């Protein structure tokens, strides 16, 4: 597992919780996080996250799936 512990969620977060944990992402540090566990993602993946519309929860689902994929 390639997770990094963070002190608090990133500034860009979602109102929707996943198992009582905040889902967030940081375009500057190229990381996505669920709760206090973050993973590093590539610039291309982060660009896709940033450019995805948040309509219908598309961005939320993309961040969660990216986090799960990066763990393994």
PDB file of N, CA and C in Angstrom:
ATOM      1  N   UNK A   1       0.840  -1.162   0.000  1.00  0.00           N
ATOM      2  CA  UNK A   1       0.000   0.000   0.000  1.00  0.00           C
ATOM      3  C   UNK A   1       0.896   1.239   0.000  1.00  0.00           C
ATOM      4  N   UNK A   2       0.674   2.150  -0.919  1.00  0.00           N
ATOM      5  CA  UNK A   2       1.496   3.338  -1.068  1.00  0.00           C
ATOM      6  C   UNK A   2       0.823   4.568  -0.482  1.00  0.00           C
ATOM      7  N   UNK A   3       0.269   4.482   0.700  1.00  0.00           N
ATOM      8  CA  UNK A   3      -0.433   5.628   1.273  1.00  0.00           C
ATOM      9  C   UNK A   3       0.510   6.483   2.101  1.00  0.00           C
ATOM     10  N   UNK A   4       0.180   7.762   2.160  1.00  0.00           N
ATOM     11  CA  UNK A   4       0.919   8.744   2.932  1.00  0.00           C
ATOM     12  C   UNK A   4      -0.053   9.321   3.952  1.00  0.00           C
ATOM     13  N   UNK A   5       0.360   9.443   5.187  1.00  0.00           N
ATOM     14  CA  UNK A   5      -0.497  10.033   6.221  1.00  0.00           C
ATOM     15  C   UNK A   5      -0.443  11.556   6.107  1.00  0.00           C
ATOM     16  N   UNK A   6      -1.616  12.185   6.165  1.00  0.00           N
ATOM     17  CA  UNK A   6      -1.691  13.641   6.161  1.00  0.00           C
ATOM     18  C   UNK A   6      -2.410  14.090   7.428  1.00  0.00           C
ATOM     19  N   UNK A   7      -2.123  15.301   7.874  1.00  0.00           N
ATOM     20  CA  UNK A   7      -2.703  15.797   9.125  1.00  0.00           C
ATOM     21  C   UNK A   7      -4.179  16.132   8.990  1.00  0.00           C
ATOM     22  N   UNK A   8      -4.558  16.703   7.856  1.00  0.00           N
ATOM     23  CA  UNK A   8      -5.957  17.075   7.639  1.00  0.00           C
ATOM     24  C   UNK A   8      -6.262  16.982   6.153  1.00  0.00           C
ATOM     25  N   UNK A   9      -7.523  16.913   5.777  1.00  0.00           N
ATOM     26  CA  UNK A   9      -7.883  16.821   4.359  1.00  0.00           C
ATOM     27  C   UNK A   9      -7.398  18.045   3.579  1.00  0.00           C
ATOM     28  N   UNK A  10      -7.202  17.858   2.286  1.00  0.00           N
ATOM     29  CA  UNK A  10      -6.788  18.950   1.414  1.00  0.00           C
ATOM     30  C   UNK A  10      -7.921  19.959   1.268  1.00  0.00           C
ATOM     31  N   UNK A  11      -7.580  21.147   0.800  1.00  0.00           N
ATOM     32  CA  UNK A  11      -8.565  22.229   0.674  1.00  0.00           C
ATOM     33  C   UNK A  11      -9.677  21.896  -0.316  1.00  0.00           C
ATOM     34  N   UNK A  12      -9.359  21.187  -1.379  1.00  0.00           N
ATOM     35  CA  UNK A  12     -10.374  20.824  -2.363  1.00  0.00           C
ATOM     36  C   UNK A  12     -11.000  19.506  -1.923  1.00  0.00           C
ATOM     37  N   UNK A  13     -12.177  19.602  -1.334  1.00  0.00           N
ATOM     38  CA  UNK A  13     -12.840  18.409  -0.823  1.00  0.00           C
ATOM     39  C   UNK A  13     -14.297  18.414  -1.253  1.00  0.00           C
ATOM     40  N   UNK A  14     -14.968  17.314  -0.979  1.00  0.00           N
ATOM     41  CA  UNK A  14     -16.357  17.137  -1.381  1.00  0.00           C
ATOM     42  C   UNK A  14     -17.257  17.142  -0.153  1.00  0.00           C
ATOM     43  N   UNK A  15     -18.493  17.566  -0.338  1.00  0.00           N
ATOM     44  CA  UNK A  15     -19.462  17.551   0.753  1.00  0.00           C
ATOM     45  C   UNK A  15     -19.902  16.131   1.083  1.00  0.00           C
ATOM     46  N   UNK A  16     -19.724  15.217   0.153  1.00  0.00           N
ATOM     47  CA  UNK A  16     -20.115  13.826   0.346  1.00  0.00           C
ATOM     48  C   UNK A  16     -19.021  13.095   1.121  1.00  0.00           C
ATOM     49  N   UNK A  17     -19.399  12.371   2.160  1.00  0.00           N
ATOM     50  CA  UNK A  17     -18.443  11.590   2.932  1.00  0.00           C
ATOM     51  C   UNK A  17     -18.453  10.144   2.452  1.00  0.00           C
ATOM     52  N   UNK A  18     -17.330   9.478   2.577  1.00  0.00           N
ATOM     53  CA  UNK A  18     -17.207   8.072   2.233  1.00  0.00           C
ATOM     54  C   UNK A  18     -16.811   7.343   3.509  1.00  0.00           C
ATOM     55  N   UNK A  19     -17.731   6.587   4.069  1.00  0.00           N
ATOM     56  CA  UNK A  19     -17.501   5.874   5.334  1.00  0.00           C
ATOM     57  C   UNK A  19     -17.037   6.847   6.417  1.00  0.00           C
ATOM     58  N   UNK A  20     -17.726   7.993   6.517  1.00  0.00           N
ATOM     59  CA  UNK A  20     -17.419   9.036   7.505  1.00  0.00           C
ATOM     60  C   UNK A  20     -16.030   9.639   7.344  1.00  0.00           C
ATOM     61  N   UNK A  21     -15.453   9.571   6.154  1.00  0.00           N
ATOM     62  CA  UNK A  21     -14.146  10.169   5.881  1.00  0.00           C
ATOM     63  C   UNK A  21     -14.288  11.177   4.747  1.00  0.00           C
ATOM     64  N   UNK A  22     -13.547  12.256   4.838  1.00  0.00           N
ATOM     65  CA  UNK A  22     -13.576  13.301   3.817  1.00  0.00           C
ATOM     66  C   UNK A  22     -12.756  12.855   2.610  1.00  0.00           C
ATOM     67  N   UNK A  23     -13.311  13.050   1.423  1.00  0.00           N
ATOM     68  CA  UNK A  23     -12.606  12.766   0.176  1.00  0.00           C
ATOM     69  C   UNK A  23     -12.090  14.097  -0.351  1.00  0.00           C
ATOM     70  N   UNK A  24     -10.770  14.192  -0.590  1.00  0.00           N
ATOM     71  CA  UNK A  24     -10.186  15.452  -1.028  1.00  0.00           C
ATOM     72  C   UNK A  24      -9.055  15.200  -2.016  1.00  0.00           C
ATOM     73  N   UNK A  25      -8.623  16.288  -2.669  1.00  0.00           N
ATOM     74  CA  UNK A  25      -7.507  16.187  -3.607  1.00  0.00           C
ATOM     75  C   UNK A  25      -6.725  17.486  -3.630  1.00  0.00           C
ATOM     76  N   UNK A  26      -5.448  17.391  -4.026  1.00  0.00           N
ATOM     77  CA  UNK A  26      -4.576  18.559  -4.093  1.00  0.00           C
ATOM     78  C   UNK A  26      -3.889  18.599  -5.451  1.00  0.00           C
ATOM     79  N   UNK A  27      -4.312  19.504  -6.327  1.00  0.00           N
ATOM     80  CA  UNK A  27      -3.649  19.615  -7.633  1.00  0.00           C
ATOM     81  C   UNK A  27      -2.179  20.029  -7.514  1.00  0.00           C
ATOM     82  N   UNK A  28      -1.843  20.803  -6.503  1.00  0.00           N
ATOM     83  CA  UNK A  28      -0.466  21.280  -6.365  1.00  0.00           C
ATOM     84  C   UNK A  28       0.495  20.154  -5.993  1.00  0.00           C
ATOM     85  N   UNK A  29       0.099  19.306  -5.050  1.00  0.00           N
ATOM     86  CA  UNK A  29       0.992  18.227  -4.617  1.00  0.00           C
ATOM     87  C   UNK A  29       0.722  16.907  -5.333  1.00  0.00           C
ATOM     88  N   UNK A  30      -0.245  16.895  -6.261  1.00  0.00           N
ATOM     89  CA  UNK A  30      -0.592  15.695  -7.043  1.00  0.00           C
ATOM     90  C   UNK A  30      -0.958  14.520  -6.136  1.00  0.00           C
ATOM     91  N   UNK A  31      -1.860  14.770  -5.186  1.00  0.00           N
ATOM     92  CA  UNK A  31      -2.298  13.721  -4.263  1.00  0.00           C
ATOM     93  C   UNK A  31      -3.813  13.734  -4.145  1.00  0.00           C
ATOM     94  N   UNK A  32      -4.370  12.548  -3.931  1.00  0.00           N
ATOM     95  CA  UNK A  32      -5.782  12.413  -3.591  1.00  0.00           C
ATOM     96  C   UNK A  32      -5.841  11.695  -2.246  1.00  0.00           C
ATOM     97  N   UNK A  33      -6.875  12.001  -1.458  1.00  0.00           N
ATOM     98  CA  UNK A  33      -6.943  11.443  -0.110  1.00  0.00           C
ATOM     99  C   UNK A  33      -8.362  11.058   0.253  1.00  0.00           C
ATOM    100  N   UNK A  34      -8.459  10.019   1.048  1.00  0.00           N
ATOM    101  CA  UNK A  34      -9.702   9.648   1.710  1.00  0.00           C
ATOM    102  C   UNK A  34      -9.355   9.600   3.188  1.00  0.00           C
ATOM    103  N   UNK A  35      -9.995  10.472   3.951  1.00  0.00           N
ATOM    104  CA  UNK A  35      -9.628  10.609   5.359  1.00  0.00           C
ATOM    105  C   UNK A  35      -8.232  11.192   5.466  1.00  0.00           C
ATOM    106  N   UNK A  36      -7.378  10.555   6.247  1.00  0.00           N
ATOM    107  CA  UNK A  36      -6.001  11.021   6.414  1.00  0.00           C
ATOM    108  C   UNK A  36      -5.002  10.183   5.642  1.00  0.00           C
ATOM    109  N   UNK A  37      -5.473   9.375   4.697  1.00  0.00           N
ATOM    110  CA  UNK A  37      -4.601   8.553   3.863  1.00  0.00           C
ATOM    111  C   UNK A  37      -4.593   9.116   2.452  1.00  0.00           C
ATOM    112  N   UNK A  38      -3.419   9.513   1.983  1.00  0.00           N
ATOM    113  CA  UNK A  38      -3.290  10.102   0.650  1.00  0.00           C
ATOM    114  C   UNK A  38      -2.405   9.221  -0.224  1.00  0.00           C
ATOM    115  N   UNK A  39      -2.600   9.322  -1.529  1.00  0.00           N
ATOM    116  CA  UNK A  39      -1.753   8.635  -2.498  1.00  0.00           C
ATOM    117  C   UNK A  39      -1.329   9.642  -3.563  1.00  0.00           C
ATOM    118  N   UNK A  40      -0.157   9.428  -4.125  1.00  0.00           N
ATOM    119  CA  UNK A  40       0.369  10.290  -5.180  1.00  0.00           C
ATOM    120  C   UNK A  40      -0.177   9.812  -6.519  1.00  0.00           C
ATOM    121  N   UNK A  41      -0.575  10.759  -7.368  1.00  0.00           N
ATOM    122  CA  UNK A  41      -1.066  10.438  -8.706  1.00  0.00           C
ATOM    123  C   UNK A  41      -0.245  11.207  -9.733  1.00  0.00           C
ATOM    124  N   UNK A  42      -0.347  10.790 -10.982  1.00  0.00           N
ATOM    125  CA  UNK A  42       0.406  11.452 -12.049  1.00  0.00           C
ATOM    126  C   UNK A  42      -0.234  12.786 -12.421  1.00  0.00           C
ATOM    127  N   UNK A  43       0.519  13.610 -13.107  1.00  0.00           N
ATOM    128  CA  UNK A  43       0.017  14.916 -13.562  1.00  0.00           C
ATOM    129  C   UNK A  43      -1.158  14.732 -14.507  1.00  0.00           C
ATOM    130  N   UNK A  44      -1.102  13.719 -15.371  1.00  0.00           N
ATOM    131  CA  UNK A  44      -2.185  13.470 -16.322  1.00  0.00           C
ATOM    132  C   UNK A  44      -3.483  13.112 -15.604  1.00  0.00           C
ATOM    133  N   UNK A  45      -3.379  12.281 -14.590  1.00  0.00           N
ATOM    134  CA  UNK A  45      -4.564  11.887 -13.823  1.00  0.00           C
ATOM    135  C   UNK A  45      -5.135  13.095 -13.091  1.00  0.00           C
ATOM    136  N   UNK A  46      -4.268  13.908 -12.495  1.00  0.00           N
ATOM    137  CA  UNK A  46      -4.750  15.096 -11.790  1.00  0.00           C
ATOM    138  C   UNK A  46      -5.393  16.080 -12.760  1.00  0.00           C
ATOM    139  N   UNK A  47      -4.837  16.226 -13.956  1.00  0.00           N
ATOM    140  CA  UNK A  47      -5.454  17.097 -14.965  1.00  0.00           C
ATOM    141  C   UNK A  47      -6.850  16.608 -15.317  1.00  0.00           C
ATOM    142  N   UNK A  48      -7.006  15.287 -15.417  1.00  0.00           N
ATOM    143  CA  UNK A  48      -8.322  14.717 -15.705  1.00  0.00           C
ATOM    144  C   UNK A  48      -9.304  15.014 -14.564  1.00  0.00           C
ATOM    145  N   UNK A  49      -8.834  14.897 -13.326  1.00  0.00           N
ATOM    146  CA  UNK A  49      -9.690  15.195 -12.173  1.00  0.00           C
ATOM    147  C   UNK A  49     -10.104  16.662 -12.187  1.00  0.00           C
ATOM    148  N   UNK A  50      -9.145  17.551 -12.391  1.00  0.00           N
ATOM    149  CA  UNK A  50      -9.422  18.990 -12.367  1.00  0.00           C
ATOM    150  C   UNK A  50     -10.381  19.383 -13.486  1.00  0.00           C
ATOM    151  N   UNK A  51     -10.230  18.777 -14.659  1.00  0.00           N
ATOM    152  CA  UNK A  51     -11.045  19.149 -15.816  1.00  0.00           C
ATOM    153  C   UNK A  51     -12.389  18.436 -15.884  1.00  0.00           C
ATOM    154  N   UNK A  52     -12.652  17.507 -14.983  1.00  0.00           N
ATOM    155  CA  UNK A  52     -13.923  16.790 -14.963  1.00  0.00           C
ATOM    156  C   UNK A  52     -14.977  17.630 -14.252  1.00  0.00           C
ATOM    157  N   UNK A  53     -16.150  17.667 -14.824  1.00  0.00           N
ATOM    158  CA  UNK A  53     -17.256  18.402 -14.206  1.00  0.00           C
ATOM    159  C   UNK A  53     -17.707  17.669 -12.945  1.00  0.00           C
ATOM    160  N   UNK A  54     -18.155  18.427 -11.968  1.00  0.00           N
ATOM    161  CA  UNK A  54     -18.631  17.817 -10.733  1.00  0.00           C
ATOM    162  C   UNK A  54     -20.117  17.466 -10.808  1.00  0.00           C
ATOM    163  N   UNK A  55     -20.718  17.674 -11.971  1.00  0.00           N
ATOM    164  CA  UNK A  55     -22.133  17.337 -12.144  1.00  0.00           C
ATOM    165  C   UNK A  55     -22.328  15.832 -11.982  1.00  0.00           C
ATOM    166  N   UNK A  56     -23.390  15.463 -11.318  1.00  0.00           N
ATOM    167  CA  UNK A  56     -23.768  14.056 -11.106  1.00  0.00           C
ATOM    168  C   UNK A  56     -22.710  13.274 -10.327  1.00  0.00           C
ATOM    169  N   UNK A  57     -21.813  13.939  -9.623  1.00  0.00           N
ATOM    170  CA  UNK A  57     -20.808  13.255  -8.815  1.00  0.00           C
ATOM    171  C   UNK A  57     -19.689  12.629  -9.607  1.00  0.00           C
ATOM    172  N   UNK A  58     -19.489  13.062 -10.852  1.00  0.00           N
ATOM    173  CA  UNK A  58     -18.443  12.470 -11.690  1.00  0.00           C
ATOM    174  C   UNK A  58     -17.052  12.664 -11.093  1.00  0.00           C
ATOM    175  N   UNK A  59     -16.757  13.862 -10.604  1.00  0.00           N
ATOM    176  CA  UNK A  59     -15.433  14.146 -10.047  1.00  0.00           C
ATOM    177  C   UNK A  59     -15.212  13.336  -8.773  1.00  0.00           C
ATOM    178  N   UNK A  60     -16.236  13.221  -7.926  1.00  0.00           N
ATOM    179  CA  UNK A  60     -16.136  12.437  -6.695  1.00  0.00           C
ATOM    180  C   UNK A  60     -15.805  10.979  -7.017  1.00  0.00           C
ATOM    181  N   UNK A  61     -16.535  10.392  -7.954  1.00  0.00           N
ATOM    182  CA  UNK A  61     -16.286   8.991  -8.327  1.00  0.00           C
ATOM    183  C   UNK A  61     -14.894   8.813  -8.917  1.00  0.00           C
ATOM    184  N   UNK A  62     -14.440   9.785  -9.708  1.00  0.00           N
ATOM    185  CA  UNK A  62     -13.112   9.705 -10.309  1.00  0.00           C
ATOM    186  C   UNK A  62     -12.025   9.757  -9.239  1.00  0.00           C
ATOM    187  N   UNK A  63     -12.165  10.622  -8.258  1.00  0.00           N
ATOM    188  CA  UNK A  63     -11.173  10.720  -7.180  1.00  0.00           C
ATOM    189  C   UNK A  63     -11.143   9.429  -6.364  1.00  0.00           C
ATOM    190  N   UNK A  64     -12.296   8.884  -6.036  1.00  0.00           N
ATOM    191  CA  UNK A  64     -12.346   7.643  -5.253  1.00  0.00           C
ATOM    192  C   UNK A  64     -11.736   6.482  -6.037  1.00  0.00           C
ATOM    193  N   UNK A  65     -12.070   6.347  -7.309  1.00  0.00           N
ATOM    194  CA  UNK A  65     -11.507   5.245  -8.102  1.00  0.00           C
ATOM    195  C   UNK A  65     -10.007   5.424  -8.303  1.00  0.00           C
ATOM    196  N   UNK A  66      -9.543   6.659  -8.458  1.00  0.00           N
ATOM    197  CA  UNK A  66      -8.104   6.919  -8.585  1.00  0.00           C
ATOM    198  C   UNK A  66      -7.383   6.534  -7.305  1.00  0.00           C
ATOM    199  N   UNK A  67      -7.976   6.863  -6.161  1.00  0.00           N
ATOM    200  CA  UNK A  67      -7.373   6.515  -4.873  1.00  0.00           C
ATOM    201  C   UNK A  67      -7.269   4.999  -4.722  1.00  0.00           C
ATOM    202  N   UNK A  68      -8.333   4.295  -5.076  1.00  0.00           N
ATOM    203  CA  UNK A  68      -8.320   2.830  -4.965  1.00  0.00           C
ATOM    204  C   UNK A  68      -7.306   2.212  -5.916  1.00  0.00           C
ATOM    205  N   UNK A  69      -7.227   2.719  -7.153  1.00  0.00           N
ATOM    206  CA  UNK A  69      -6.266   2.192  -8.127  1.00  0.00           C
ATOM    207  C   UNK A  69      -4.824   2.438  -7.695  1.00  0.00           C
ATOM    208  N   UNK A  70      -4.554   3.589  -7.122  1.00  0.00           N
ATOM    209  CA  UNK A  70      -3.187   3.940  -6.725  1.00  0.00           C
ATOM    210  C   UNK A  70      -2.718   3.156  -5.510  1.00  0.00           C
ATOM    211  N   UNK A  71      -3.635   2.612  -4.746  1.00  0.00           N
ATOM    212  CA  UNK A  71      -3.254   1.836  -3.566  1.00  0.00           C
ATOM    213  C   UNK A  71      -2.604   0.515  -3.934  1.00  0.00           C
ATOM    214  N   UNK A  72      -2.941  -0.038  -5.065  1.00  0.00           N
ATOM    215  CA  UNK A  72      -2.468  -1.388  -5.390  1.00  0.00           C
ATOM    216  C   UNK A  72      -1.523  -1.420  -6.535  1.00  0.00           C
TER     217      UNK A  72
END
